[in-house]
Amino acid sequence: MISPILGQLVFSFFEDHLKCQKGLRPASIKSYRDTMKLFLQFAAADTRKKLSRLSIAELTCERVLSFLKALEEKRKNHSRTRNQRLAALRTFFEYPAHGPPEAPKEAALVAPIPTKR
């Protein structure tokens, strides 16, 4: 279980944004779920905190870059998989509802991360 505020944001992102607003199919939502699960676990390990103690402020652009690097180096993911994970994270960071004041700043930093070829 993640912190209440972060948990609410993630839940709202999936239930309101992906399902209701974007109308994504279950397979697409599952892909977003897998990305968020991997990223949140990575962020918790990177901050040396339990997942339940992770805060929104710890989801930074630098952490996204470290996560993408770990996908390629440790998990041996292909660049297409990395790019798919990046697209999901961009969507999450751009999600405005219930976001903290620093969310737009981090979204602006995550958005220009280049995809790989």
PDB file of N, CA and C in Angstrom:
ATOM      1  N   MET A   1       0.848  -1.182   0.000  1.00  0.00           N
ATOM      2  CA  MET A   1       0.000   0.000   0.000  1.00  0.00           C
ATOM      3  C   MET A   1       0.889   1.239   0.000  1.00  0.00           C
ATOM      4  N   ILE A   2       0.552   2.194  -0.808  1.00  0.00           N
ATOM      5  CA  ILE A   2       1.343   3.418  -0.870  1.00  0.00           C
ATOM      6  C   ILE A   2       0.676   4.511  -0.041  1.00  0.00           C
ATOM      7  N   SER A   3       1.401   5.602   0.211  1.00  0.00           N
ATOM      8  CA  SER A   3       0.882   6.667   1.078  1.00  0.00           C
ATOM      9  C   SER A   3      -0.503   7.113   0.611  1.00  0.00           C
ATOM     10  N   PRO A   4      -1.347   7.551   1.561  1.00  0.00           N
ATOM     11  CA  PRO A   4      -2.732   7.898   1.192  1.00  0.00           C
ATOM     12  C   PRO A   4      -2.854   8.900   0.051  1.00  0.00           C
ATOM     13  N   ILE A   5      -2.062   9.953   0.059  1.00  0.00           N
ATOM     14  CA  ILE A   5      -2.179  10.971  -0.989  1.00  0.00           C
ATOM     15  C   ILE A   5      -1.691  10.416  -2.324  1.00  0.00           C
ATOM     16  N   LEU A   6      -0.545   9.750  -2.313  1.00  0.00           N
ATOM     17  CA  LEU A   6      -0.040   9.146  -3.544  1.00  0.00           C
ATOM     18  C   LEU A   6      -0.978   8.041  -4.006  1.00  0.00           C
ATOM     19  N   GLY A   7      -1.484   7.273  -3.064  1.00  0.00           N
ATOM     20  CA  GLY A   7      -2.432   6.207  -3.396  1.00  0.00           C
ATOM     21  C   GLY A   7      -3.695   6.757  -4.045  1.00  0.00           C
ATOM     22  N   GLN A   8      -4.198   7.862  -3.529  1.00  0.00           N
ATOM     23  CA  GLN A   8      -5.389   8.495  -4.098  1.00  0.00           C
ATOM     24  C   GLN A   8      -5.110   8.997  -5.510  1.00  0.00           C
ATOM     25  N   LEU A   9      -3.945   9.566  -5.709  1.00  0.00           N
ATOM     26  CA  LEU A   9      -3.576  10.074  -7.028  1.00  0.00           C
ATOM     27  C   LEU A   9      -3.487   8.935  -8.039  1.00  0.00           C
ATOM     28  N   VAL A  10      -2.834   7.851  -7.659  1.00  0.00           N
ATOM     29  CA  VAL A  10      -2.684   6.707  -8.562  1.00  0.00           C
ATOM     30  C   VAL A  10      -4.053   6.096  -8.853  1.00  0.00           C
ATOM     31  N   PHE A  11      -4.868   5.931  -7.822  1.00  0.00           N
ATOM     32  CA  PHE A  11      -6.207   5.370  -8.008  1.00  0.00           C
ATOM     33  C   PHE A  11      -7.039   6.254  -8.937  1.00  0.00           C
ATOM     34  N   SER A  12      -7.010   7.547  -8.709  1.00  0.00           N
ATOM     35  CA  SER A  12      -7.756   8.488  -9.545  1.00  0.00           C
ATOM     36  C   SER A  12      -7.241   8.468 -10.981  1.00  0.00           C
ATOM     37  N   PHE A  13      -5.932   8.356 -11.145  1.00  0.00           N
ATOM     38  CA  PHE A  13      -5.338   8.288 -12.472  1.00  0.00           C
ATOM     39  C   PHE A  13      -5.902   7.103 -13.245  1.00  0.00           C
ATOM     40  N   PHE A  14      -5.985   5.952 -12.603  1.00  0.00           N
ATOM     41  CA  PHE A  14      -6.487   4.752 -13.272  1.00  0.00           C
ATOM     42  C   PHE A  14      -8.002   4.788 -13.460  1.00  0.00           C
ATOM     43  N   GLU A  15      -8.722   5.091 -12.409  1.00  0.00           N
ATOM     44  CA  GLU A  15     -10.178   5.016 -12.458  1.00  0.00           C
ATOM     45  C   GLU A  15     -10.807   6.169 -13.234  1.00  0.00           C
ATOM     46  N   ASP A  16     -10.344   7.370 -12.977  1.00  0.00           N
ATOM     47  CA  ASP A  16     -10.948   8.537 -13.626  1.00  0.00           C
ATOM     48  C   ASP A  16     -10.331   8.811 -14.991  1.00  0.00           C
ATOM     49  N   HIS A  17      -9.035   8.929 -15.013  1.00  0.00           N
ATOM     50  CA  HIS A  17      -8.369   9.369 -16.241  1.00  0.00           C
ATOM     51  C   HIS A  17      -8.311   8.281 -17.319  1.00  0.00           C
ATOM     52  N   LEU A  18      -7.726   7.136 -16.970  1.00  0.00           N
ATOM     53  CA  LEU A  18      -7.533   6.096 -17.992  1.00  0.00           C
ATOM     54  C   LEU A  18      -8.836   5.407 -18.389  1.00  0.00           C
ATOM     55  N   LYS A  19      -9.651   5.047 -17.403  1.00  0.00           N
ATOM     56  CA  LYS A  19     -10.883   4.322 -17.708  1.00  0.00           C
ATOM     57  C   LYS A  19     -11.991   5.237 -18.220  1.00  0.00           C
ATOM     58  N   CYS A  20     -12.283   6.292 -17.467  1.00  0.00           N
ATOM     59  CA  CYS A  20     -13.436   7.136 -17.811  1.00  0.00           C
ATOM     60  C   CYS A  20     -13.123   8.168 -18.900  1.00  0.00           C
ATOM     61  N   GLN A  21     -12.090   8.967 -18.681  1.00  0.00           N
ATOM     62  CA  GLN A  21     -11.797  10.047 -19.615  1.00  0.00           C
ATOM     63  C   GLN A  21     -11.211   9.545 -20.932  1.00  0.00           C
ATOM     64  N   LYS A  22     -10.233   8.659 -20.854  1.00  0.00           N
ATOM     65  CA  LYS A  22      -9.594   8.179 -22.083  1.00  0.00           C
ATOM     66  C   LYS A  22     -10.270   6.937 -22.658  1.00  0.00           C
ATOM     67  N   GLY A  23     -11.025   6.228 -21.825  1.00  0.00           N
ATOM     68  CA  GLY A  23     -11.739   5.039 -22.289  1.00  0.00           C
ATOM     69  C   GLY A  23     -10.829   3.930 -22.800  1.00  0.00           C
ATOM     70  N   LEU A  24      -9.707   3.738 -22.135  1.00  0.00           N
ATOM     71  CA  LEU A  24      -8.760   2.721 -22.588  1.00  0.00           C
ATOM     72  C   LEU A  24      -9.289   1.316 -22.330  1.00  0.00           C
ATOM     73  N   ARG A  25      -8.847   0.400 -23.153  1.00  0.00           N
ATOM     74  CA  ARG A  25      -9.218  -1.010 -23.016  1.00  0.00           C
ATOM     75  C   ARG A  25      -8.448  -1.621 -21.843  1.00  0.00           C
ATOM     76  N   PRO A  26      -8.949  -2.728 -21.312  1.00  0.00           N
ATOM     77  CA  PRO A  26      -8.286  -3.383 -20.177  1.00  0.00           C
ATOM     78  C   PRO A  26      -6.816  -3.731 -20.431  1.00  0.00           C
ATOM     79  N   ALA A  27      -6.471  -4.154 -21.618  1.00  0.00           N
ATOM     80  CA  ALA A  27      -5.072  -4.499 -21.911  1.00  0.00           C
ATOM     81  C   ALA A  27      -4.158  -3.274 -21.803  1.00  0.00           C
ATOM     82  N   SER A  28      -4.646  -2.130 -22.253  1.00  0.00           N
ATOM     83  CA  SER A  28      -3.852  -0.896 -22.154  1.00  0.00           C
ATOM     84  C   SER A  28      -3.712  -0.466 -20.704  1.00  0.00           C
ATOM     85  N   ILE A  29      -4.787  -0.577 -19.960  1.00  0.00           N
ATOM     86  CA  ILE A  29      -4.748  -0.219 -18.541  1.00  0.00           C
ATOM     87  C   ILE A  29      -3.779  -1.132 -17.797  1.00  0.00           C
ATOM     88  N   LYS A  30      -3.740  -2.392 -18.174  1.00  0.00           N
ATOM     89  CA  LYS A  30      -2.818  -3.345 -17.561  1.00  0.00           C
ATOM     90  C   LYS A  30      -1.371  -2.934 -17.835  1.00  0.00           C
ATOM     91  N   SER A  31      -1.105  -2.445 -19.028  1.00  0.00           N
ATOM     92  CA  SER A  31       0.235  -1.985 -19.365  1.00  0.00           C
ATOM     93  C   SER A  31       0.631  -0.782 -18.500  1.00  0.00           C
ATOM     94  N   TYR A  32      -0.287   0.162 -18.333  1.00  0.00           N
ATOM     95  CA  TYR A  32      -0.038   1.304 -17.450  1.00  0.00           C
ATOM     96  C   TYR A  32       0.196   0.813 -16.022  1.00  0.00           C
ATOM     97  N   ARG A  33      -0.617  -0.149 -15.581  1.00  0.00           N
ATOM     98  CA  ARG A  33      -0.491  -0.699 -14.233  1.00  0.00           C
ATOM     99  C   ARG A  33       0.893  -1.295 -14.023  1.00  0.00           C
ATOM    100  N   ASP A  34       1.347  -2.073 -14.996  1.00  0.00           N
ATOM    101  CA  ASP A  34       2.660  -2.703 -14.880  1.00  0.00           C
ATOM    102  C   ASP A  34       3.767  -1.653 -14.796  1.00  0.00           C
ATOM    103  N   THR A  35       3.661  -0.616 -15.596  1.00  0.00           N
ATOM    104  CA  THR A  35       4.651   0.459 -15.568  1.00  0.00           C
ATOM    105  C   THR A  35       4.664   1.148 -14.219  1.00  0.00           C
ATOM    106  N   MET A  36       3.487   1.501 -13.719  1.00  0.00           N
ATOM    107  CA  MET A  36       3.411   2.201 -12.438  1.00  0.00           C
ATOM    108  C   MET A  36       3.914   1.319 -11.306  1.00  0.00           C
ATOM    109  N   LYS A  37       3.604   0.056 -11.357  1.00  0.00           N
ATOM    110  CA  LYS A  37       4.068  -0.878 -10.324  1.00  0.00           C
ATOM    111  C   LYS A  37       5.592  -0.926 -10.318  1.00  0.00           C
ATOM    112  N   LEU A  38       6.187  -1.098 -11.485  1.00  0.00           N
ATOM    113  CA  LEU A  38       7.649  -1.141 -11.583  1.00  0.00           C
ATOM    114  C   LEU A  38       8.273   0.175 -11.129  1.00  0.00           C
ATOM    115  N   PHE A  39       7.697   1.293 -11.566  1.00  0.00           N
ATOM    116  CA  PHE A  39       8.260   2.599 -11.221  1.00  0.00           C
ATOM    117  C   PHE A  39       8.151   2.877  -9.724  1.00  0.00           C
ATOM    118  N   LEU A  40       7.004   2.600  -9.131  1.00  0.00           N
ATOM    119  CA  LEU A  40       6.832   2.865  -7.699  1.00  0.00           C
ATOM    120  C   LEU A  40       7.734   1.957  -6.864  1.00  0.00           C
ATOM    121  N   GLN A  41       7.898   0.709  -7.274  1.00  0.00           N
ATOM    122  CA  GLN A  41       8.817  -0.188  -6.564  1.00  0.00           C
ATOM    123  C   GLN A  41      10.256   0.307  -6.701  1.00  0.00           C
ATOM    124  N   PHE A  42      10.611   0.774  -7.892  1.00  0.00           N
ATOM    125  CA  PHE A  42      11.943   1.317  -8.119  1.00  0.00           C
ATOM    126  C   PHE A  42      12.160   2.555  -7.244  1.00  0.00           C
ATOM    127  N   ALA A  43      11.184   3.456  -7.223  1.00  0.00           N
ATOM    128  CA  ALA A  43      11.306   4.684  -6.433  1.00  0.00           C
ATOM    129  C   ALA A  43      11.437   4.366  -4.941  1.00  0.00           C
ATOM    130  N   ALA A  44      10.676   3.398  -4.464  1.00  0.00           N
ATOM    131  CA  ALA A  44      10.765   3.008  -3.057  1.00  0.00           C
ATOM    132  C   ALA A  44      12.153   2.454  -2.741  1.00  0.00           C
ATOM    133  N   ALA A  45      12.675   1.607  -3.602  1.00  0.00           N
ATOM    134  CA  ALA A  45      14.009   1.046  -3.388  1.00  0.00           C
ATOM    135  C   ALA A  45      15.075   2.131  -3.489  1.00  0.00           C
ATOM    136  N   ASP A  46      14.905   3.033  -4.432  1.00  0.00           N
ATOM    137  CA  ASP A  46      15.871   4.102  -4.652  1.00  0.00           C
ATOM    138  C   ASP A  46      15.926   5.059  -3.467  1.00  0.00           C
ATOM    139  N   THR A  47      14.790   5.310  -2.836  1.00  0.00           N
ATOM    140  CA  THR A  47      14.739   6.209  -1.679  1.00  0.00           C
ATOM    141  C   THR A  47      14.965   5.462  -0.369  1.00  0.00           C
ATOM    142  N   ARG A  48      15.070   4.129  -0.465  1.00  0.00           N
ATOM    143  CA  ARG A  48      15.244   3.265   0.704  1.00  0.00           C
ATOM    144  C   ARG A  48      14.096   3.439   1.697  1.00  0.00           C
ATOM    145  N   LYS A  49      12.898   3.517   1.132  1.00  0.00           N
ATOM    146  CA  LYS A  49      11.685   3.635   1.936  1.00  0.00           C
ATOM    147  C   LYS A  49      10.757   2.498   1.577  1.00  0.00           C
ATOM    148  N   LYS A  50       9.857   2.215   2.489  1.00  0.00           N
ATOM    149  CA  LYS A  50       8.805   1.267   2.170  1.00  0.00           C
ATOM    150  C   LYS A  50       7.873   1.940   1.184  1.00  0.00           C
ATOM    151  N   LEU A  51       7.241   1.144   0.362  1.00  0.00           N
ATOM    152  CA  LEU A  51       6.298   1.676  -0.618  1.00  0.00           C
ATOM    153  C   LEU A  51       5.203   2.480   0.068  1.00  0.00           C
ATOM    154  N   SER A  52       4.812   2.065   1.242  1.00  0.00           N
ATOM    155  CA  SER A  52       3.757   2.761   1.984  1.00  0.00           C
ATOM    156  C   SER A  52       4.194   4.130   2.483  1.00  0.00           C
ATOM    157  N   ARG A  53       5.483   4.397   2.499  1.00  0.00           N
ATOM    158  CA  ARG A  53       6.008   5.690   2.963  1.00  0.00           C
ATOM    159  C   ARG A  53       6.429   6.613   1.817  1.00  0.00           C
ATOM    160  N   LEU A  54       6.283   6.154   0.602  1.00  0.00           N
ATOM    161  CA  LEU A  54       6.675   6.938  -0.567  1.00  0.00           C
ATOM    162  C   LEU A  54       5.740   8.127  -0.743  1.00  0.00           C
ATOM    163  N   SER A  55       6.307   9.275  -1.062  1.00  0.00           N
ATOM    164  CA  SER A  55       5.485  10.475  -1.258  1.00  0.00           C
ATOM    165  C   SER A  55       5.538  10.933  -2.710  1.00  0.00           C
ATOM    166  N   ILE A  56       4.599  11.769  -3.058  1.00  0.00           N
ATOM    167  CA  ILE A  56       4.530  12.309  -4.416  1.00  0.00           C
ATOM    168  C   ILE A  56       5.791  13.093  -4.751  1.00  0.00           C
ATOM    169  N   ALA A  57       6.318  13.811  -3.771  1.00  0.00           N
ATOM    170  CA  ALA A  57       7.505  14.646  -3.996  1.00  0.00           C
ATOM    171  C   ALA A  57       8.721  13.826  -4.412  1.00  0.00           C
ATOM    172  N   GLU A  58       8.714  12.537  -4.106  1.00  0.00           N
ATOM    173  CA  GLU A  58       9.851  11.688  -4.451  1.00  0.00           C
ATOM    174  C   GLU A  58       9.775  11.128  -5.871  1.00  0.00           C
ATOM    175  N   LEU A  59       8.691  11.417  -6.556  1.00  0.00           N
ATOM    176  CA  LEU A  59       8.554  10.992  -7.957  1.00  0.00           C
ATOM    177  C   LEU A  59       9.049  12.136  -8.834  1.00  0.00           C
ATOM    178  N   THR A  60      10.342  12.149  -9.065  1.00  0.00           N
ATOM    179  CA  THR A  60      10.983  13.253  -9.765  1.00  0.00           C
ATOM    180  C   THR A  60      11.444  12.844 -11.160  1.00  0.00           C
ATOM    181  N   CYS A  61      11.802  13.832 -11.938  1.00  0.00           N
ATOM    182  CA  CYS A  61      12.328  13.587 -13.278  1.00  0.00           C
ATOM    183  C   CYS A  61      13.623  12.784 -13.202  1.00  0.00           C
ATOM    184  N   GLU A  62      14.477  13.107 -12.240  1.00  0.00           N
ATOM    185  CA  GLU A  62      15.734  12.378 -12.077  1.00  0.00           C
ATOM    186  C   GLU A  62      15.463  10.896 -11.782  1.00  0.00           C
ATOM    187  N   ARG A  63      14.430  10.643 -10.993  1.00  0.00           N
ATOM    188  CA  ARG A  63      14.081   9.264 -10.664  1.00  0.00           C
ATOM    189  C   ARG A  63      13.537   8.547 -11.897  1.00  0.00           C
ATOM    190  N   VAL A  64      12.794   9.251 -12.737  1.00  0.00           N
ATOM    191  CA  VAL A  64      12.295   8.664 -13.982  1.00  0.00           C
ATOM    192  C   VAL A  64      13.472   8.287 -14.875  1.00  0.00           C
ATOM    193  N   LEU A  65      14.440   9.177 -14.988  1.00  0.00           N
ATOM    194  CA  LEU A  65      15.618   8.883 -15.806  1.00  0.00           C
ATOM    195  C   LEU A  65      16.386   7.681 -15.267  1.00  0.00           C
ATOM    196  N   SER A  66      16.534   7.611 -13.957  1.00  0.00           N
ATOM    197  CA  SER A  66      17.211   6.456 -13.348  1.00  0.00           C
ATOM    198  C   SER A  66      16.431   5.173 -13.595  1.00  0.00           C
ATOM    199  N   PHE A  67      15.120   5.260 -13.518  1.00  0.00           N
ATOM    200  CA  PHE A  67      14.261   4.106 -13.770  1.00  0.00           C
ATOM    201  C   PHE A  67      14.413   3.617 -15.209  1.00  0.00           C
ATOM    202  N   LEU A  68      14.400   4.532 -16.158  1.00  0.00           N
ATOM    203  CA  LEU A  68      14.544   4.160 -17.566  1.00  0.00           C
ATOM    204  C   LEU A  68      15.900   3.514 -17.827  1.00  0.00           C
ATOM    205  N   LYS A  69      16.927   4.039 -17.188  1.00  0.00           N
ATOM    206  CA  LYS A  69      18.268   3.469 -17.332  1.00  0.00           C
ATOM    207  C   LYS A  69      18.306   2.051 -16.746  1.00  0.00           C
ATOM    208  N   ALA A  70      17.655   1.869 -15.598  1.00  0.00           N
ATOM    209  CA  ALA A  70      17.609   0.551 -14.959  1.00  0.00           C
ATOM    210  C   ALA A  70      16.835  -0.451 -15.809  1.00  0.00           C
ATOM    211  N   LEU A  71      15.798   0.011 -16.489  1.00  0.00           N
ATOM    212  CA  LEU A  71      15.041  -0.883 -17.373  1.00  0.00           C
ATOM    213  C   LEU A  71      15.951  -1.479 -18.439  1.00  0.00           C
ATOM    214  N   GLU A  72      16.787  -0.637 -18.996  1.00  0.00           N
ATOM    215  CA  GLU A  72      17.677  -1.095 -20.063  1.00  0.00           C
ATOM    216  C   GLU A  72      18.858  -1.917 -19.540  1.00  0.00           C
ATOM    217  N   GLU A  73      19.450  -1.461 -18.453  1.00  0.00           N
ATOM    218  CA  GLU A  73      20.668  -2.105 -17.983  1.00  0.00           C
ATOM    219  C   GLU A  73      20.408  -3.338 -17.117  1.00  0.00           C
ATOM    220  N   LYS A  74      19.498  -3.231 -16.183  1.00  0.00           N
ATOM    221  CA  LYS A  74      19.267  -4.343 -15.255  1.00  0.00           C
ATOM    222  C   LYS A  74      18.225  -5.327 -15.758  1.00  0.00           C
ATOM    223  N   ARG A  75      17.138  -4.805 -16.327  1.00  0.00           N
ATOM    224  CA  ARG A  75      16.070  -5.687 -16.808  1.00  0.00           C
ATOM    225  C   ARG A  75      16.265  -6.098 -18.265  1.00  0.00           C
ATOM    226  N   LYS A  76      17.251  -5.475 -18.921  1.00  0.00           N
ATOM    227  CA  LYS A  76      17.566  -5.778 -20.327  1.00  0.00           C
ATOM    228  C   LYS A  76      16.368  -5.559 -21.256  1.00  0.00           C
ATOM    229  N   ASN A  77      15.583  -4.514 -20.954  1.00  0.00           N
ATOM    230  CA  ASN A  77      14.438  -4.186 -21.801  1.00  0.00           C
ATOM    231  C   ASN A  77      14.907  -3.554 -23.105  1.00  0.00           C
ATOM    232  N   HIS A  78      14.203  -3.846 -24.162  1.00  0.00           N
ATOM    233  CA  HIS A  78      14.460  -3.267 -25.479  1.00  0.00           C
ATOM    234  C   HIS A  78      14.039  -1.800 -25.445  1.00  0.00           C
ATOM    235  N   SER A  79      14.564  -1.009 -26.346  1.00  0.00           N
ATOM    236  CA  SER A  79      14.226   0.415 -26.376  1.00  0.00           C
ATOM    237  C   SER A  79      12.730   0.646 -26.585  1.00  0.00           C
ATOM    238  N   ARG A  80      12.057  -0.263 -27.305  1.00  0.00           N
ATOM    239  CA  ARG A  80      10.603  -0.107 -27.490  1.00  0.00           C
ATOM    240  C   ARG A  80       9.861  -0.227 -26.164  1.00  0.00           C
ATOM    241  N   THR A  81      10.290  -1.163 -25.332  1.00  0.00           N
ATOM    242  CA  THR A  81       9.664  -1.323 -24.019  1.00  0.00           C
ATOM    243  C   THR A  81       9.948  -0.104 -23.157  1.00  0.00           C
ATOM    244  N   ARG A  82      11.179   0.373 -23.201  1.00  0.00           N
ATOM    245  CA  ARG A  82      11.556   1.568 -22.458  1.00  0.00           C
ATOM    246  C   ARG A  82      10.693   2.746 -22.890  1.00  0.00           C
ATOM    247  N   ASN A  83      10.518   2.918 -24.200  1.00  0.00           N
ATOM    248  CA  ASN A  83       9.718   4.021 -24.712  1.00  0.00           C
ATOM    249  C   ASN A  83       8.254   3.899 -24.308  1.00  0.00           C
ATOM    250  N   GLN A  84       7.739   2.692 -24.268  1.00  0.00           N
ATOM    251  CA  GLN A  84       6.363   2.474 -23.837  1.00  0.00           C
ATOM    252  C   GLN A  84       6.207   2.859 -22.364  1.00  0.00           C
ATOM    253  N   ARG A  85       7.170   2.471 -21.539  1.00  0.00           N
ATOM    254  CA  ARG A  85       7.138   2.837 -20.112  1.00  0.00           C
ATOM    255  C   ARG A  85       7.234   4.354 -19.954  1.00  0.00           C
ATOM    256  N   LEU A  86       8.079   4.978 -20.753  1.00  0.00           N
ATOM    257  CA  LEU A  86       8.211   6.435 -20.704  1.00  0.00           C
ATOM    258  C   LEU A  86       6.896   7.109 -21.074  1.00  0.00           C
ATOM    259  N   ALA A  87       6.226   6.626 -22.095  1.00  0.00           N
ATOM    260  CA  ALA A  87       4.942   7.205 -22.505  1.00  0.00           C
ATOM    261  C   ALA A  87       3.915   7.098 -21.377  1.00  0.00           C
ATOM    262  N   ALA A  88       3.888   5.974 -20.694  1.00  0.00           N
ATOM    263  CA  ALA A  88       2.955   5.798 -19.576  1.00  0.00           C
ATOM    264  C   ALA A  88       3.290   6.764 -18.440  1.00  0.00           C
ATOM    265  N   LEU A  89       4.569   6.927 -18.158  1.00  0.00           N
ATOM    266  CA  LEU A  89       4.969   7.846 -17.089  1.00  0.00           C
ATOM    267  C   LEU A  89       4.680   9.299 -17.459  1.00  0.00           C
ATOM    268  N   ARG A  90       4.874   9.650 -18.721  1.00  0.00           N
ATOM    269  CA  ARG A  90       4.526  11.010 -19.164  1.00  0.00           C
ATOM    270  C   ARG A  90       3.040  11.274 -18.929  1.00  0.00           C
ATOM    271  N   THR A  91       2.209  10.314 -19.276  1.00  0.00           N
ATOM    272  CA  THR A  91       0.767  10.460 -19.084  1.00  0.00           C
ATOM    273  C   THR A  91       0.452  10.633 -17.605  1.00  0.00           C
ATOM    274  N   PHE A  92       1.096   9.845 -16.753  1.00  0.00           N
ATOM    275  CA  PHE A  92       0.867   9.965 -15.316  1.00  0.00           C
ATOM    276  C   PHE A  92       1.298  11.332 -14.803  1.00  0.00           C
ATOM    277  N   PHE A  93       2.471  11.796 -15.199  1.00  0.00           N
ATOM    278  CA  PHE A  93       2.968  13.081 -14.715  1.00  0.00           C
ATOM    279  C   PHE A  93       2.146  14.255 -15.241  1.00  0.00           C
ATOM    280  N   GLU A  94       1.511  14.084 -16.383  1.00  0.00           N
ATOM    281  CA  GLU A  94       0.674  15.148 -16.940  1.00  0.00           C
ATOM    282  C   GLU A  94      -0.730  15.157 -16.349  1.00  0.00           C
ATOM    283  N   TYR A  95      -1.094  14.086 -15.661  1.00  0.00           N
ATOM    284  CA  TYR A  95      -2.436  13.978 -15.094  1.00  0.00           C
ATOM    285  C   TYR A  95      -2.614  15.067 -14.035  1.00  0.00           C
ATOM    286  N   PRO A  96      -3.525  15.993 -14.269  1.00  0.00           N
ATOM    287  CA  PRO A  96      -3.625  17.166 -13.396  1.00  0.00           C
ATOM    288  C   PRO A  96      -4.452  16.994 -12.114  1.00  0.00           C
ATOM    289  N   ALA A  97      -5.453  16.136 -12.104  1.00  0.00           N
ATOM    290  CA  ALA A  97      -6.378  16.068 -10.977  1.00  0.00           C
ATOM    291  C   ALA A  97      -5.673  15.613  -9.698  1.00  0.00           C
ATOM    292  N   HIS A  98      -5.948  16.272  -8.643  1.00  0.00           N
ATOM    293  CA  HIS A  98      -5.436  15.943  -7.313  1.00  0.00           C
ATOM    294  C   HIS A  98      -3.923  16.033  -7.222  1.00  0.00           C
ATOM    295  N   GLY A  99      -3.300  16.652  -8.180  1.00  0.00           N
ATOM    296  CA  GLY A  99      -1.849  16.731  -8.174  1.00  0.00           C
ATOM    297  C   GLY A  99      -1.345  17.771  -7.200  1.00  0.00           C
ATOM    298  N   PRO A 100      -0.142  17.568  -6.692  1.00  0.00           N
ATOM    299  CA  PRO A 100       0.462  18.542  -5.784  1.00  0.00           C
ATOM    300  C   PRO A 100       0.956  19.756  -6.558  1.00  0.00           C
ATOM    301  N   PRO A 101       1.284  20.832  -5.864  1.00  0.00           N
ATOM    302  CA  PRO A 101       1.752  22.045  -6.552  1.00  0.00           C
ATOM    303  C   PRO A 101       2.982  21.826  -7.418  1.00  0.00           C
ATOM    304  N   GLU A 102       3.845  20.883  -7.032  1.00  0.00           N
ATOM    305  CA  GLU A 102       5.067  20.650  -7.820  1.00  0.00           C
ATOM    306  C   GLU A 102       4.827  19.773  -9.035  1.00  0.00           C
ATOM    307  N   ALA A 103       3.643  19.219  -9.186  1.00  0.00           N
ATOM    308  CA  ALA A 103       3.350  18.308 -10.295  1.00  0.00           C
ATOM    309  C   ALA A 103       3.575  18.934 -11.671  1.00  0.00           C
ATOM    310  N   PRO A 104       3.086  20.154 -11.930  1.00  0.00           N
ATOM    311  CA  PRO A 104       3.328  20.726 -13.263  1.00  0.00           C
ATOM    312  C   PRO A 104       4.811  20.904 -13.577  1.00  0.00           C
ATOM    313  N   LYS A 105       5.601  21.229 -12.558  1.00  0.00           N
ATOM    314  CA  LYS A 105       7.039  21.409 -12.774  1.00  0.00           C
ATOM    315  C   LYS A 105       7.677  20.076 -13.172  1.00  0.00           C
ATOM    316  N   GLU A 106       7.356  19.013 -12.461  1.00  0.00           N
ATOM    317  CA  GLU A 106       7.921  17.698 -12.780  1.00  0.00           C
ATOM    318  C   GLU A 106       7.419  17.203 -14.133  1.00  0.00           C
ATOM    319  N   ALA A 107       6.158  17.464 -14.439  1.00  0.00           N
ATOM    320  CA  ALA A 107       5.614  17.061 -15.736  1.00  0.00           C
ATOM    321  C   ALA A 107       6.361  17.761 -16.866  1.00  0.00           C
ATOM    322  N   ALA A 108       6.692  19.013 -16.656  1.00  0.00           N
ATOM    323  CA  ALA A 108       7.436  19.773 -17.672  1.00  0.00           C
ATOM    324  C   ALA A 108       8.856  19.224 -17.845  1.00  0.00           C
ATOM    325  N   LEU A 109       9.397  18.632 -16.792  1.00  0.00           N
ATOM    326  CA  LEU A 109      10.737  18.044 -16.893  1.00  0.00           C
ATOM    327  C   LEU A 109      10.711  16.646 -17.510  1.00  0.00           C
ATOM    328  N   VAL A 110       9.654  15.903 -17.245  1.00  0.00           N
ATOM    329  CA  VAL A 110       9.531  14.531 -17.773  1.00  0.00           C
ATOM    330  C   VAL A 110       9.160  14.545 -19.254  1.00  0.00           C
ATOM    331  N   ALA A 111       8.331  15.485 -19.652  1.00  0.00           N
ATOM    332  CA  ALA A 111       7.827  15.536 -21.033  1.00  0.00           C
ATOM    333  C   ALA A 111       8.926  15.524 -22.102  1.00  0.00           C
ATOM    334  N   PRO A 112      10.009  16.292 -21.952  1.00  0.00           N
ATOM    335  CA  PRO A 112      11.015  16.296 -23.025  1.00  0.00           C
ATOM    336  C   PRO A 112      12.029  15.148 -23.001  1.00  0.00           C
ATOM    337  N   ILE A 113      11.883  14.196 -22.084  1.00  0.00           N
ATOM    338  CA  ILE A 113      12.807  13.059 -22.091  1.00  0.00           C
ATOM    339  C   ILE A 113      12.680  12.364 -23.441  1.00  0.00           C
ATOM    340  N   PRO A 114      13.779  12.237 -24.144  1.00  0.00           N
ATOM    341  CA  PRO A 114      13.680  11.661 -25.498  1.00  0.00           C
ATOM    342  C   PRO A 114      13.453  10.165 -25.498  1.00  0.00           C
ATOM    343  N   THR A 115      12.774   9.712 -26.516  1.00  0.00           N
ATOM    344  CA  THR A 115      12.621   8.277 -26.719  1.00  0.00           C
ATOM    345  C   THR A 115      13.903   7.772 -27.374  1.00  0.00           C
ATOM    346  N   LYS A 116      14.107   6.475 -27.311  1.00  0.00           N
ATOM    347  CA  LYS A 116      15.309   5.889 -27.918  1.00  0.00           C
ATOM    348  C   LYS A 116      14.942   5.172 -29.199  1.00  0.00           C
ATOM    349  N   ARG A 117      15.908   5.059 -30.064  1.00  0.00           N
ATOM    350  CA  ARG A 117      15.724   4.348 -31.324  1.00  0.00           C
ATOM    351  C   ARG A 117      16.395   3.022 -31.269  1.00  0.00           C
TER     352      ARG A 117
END
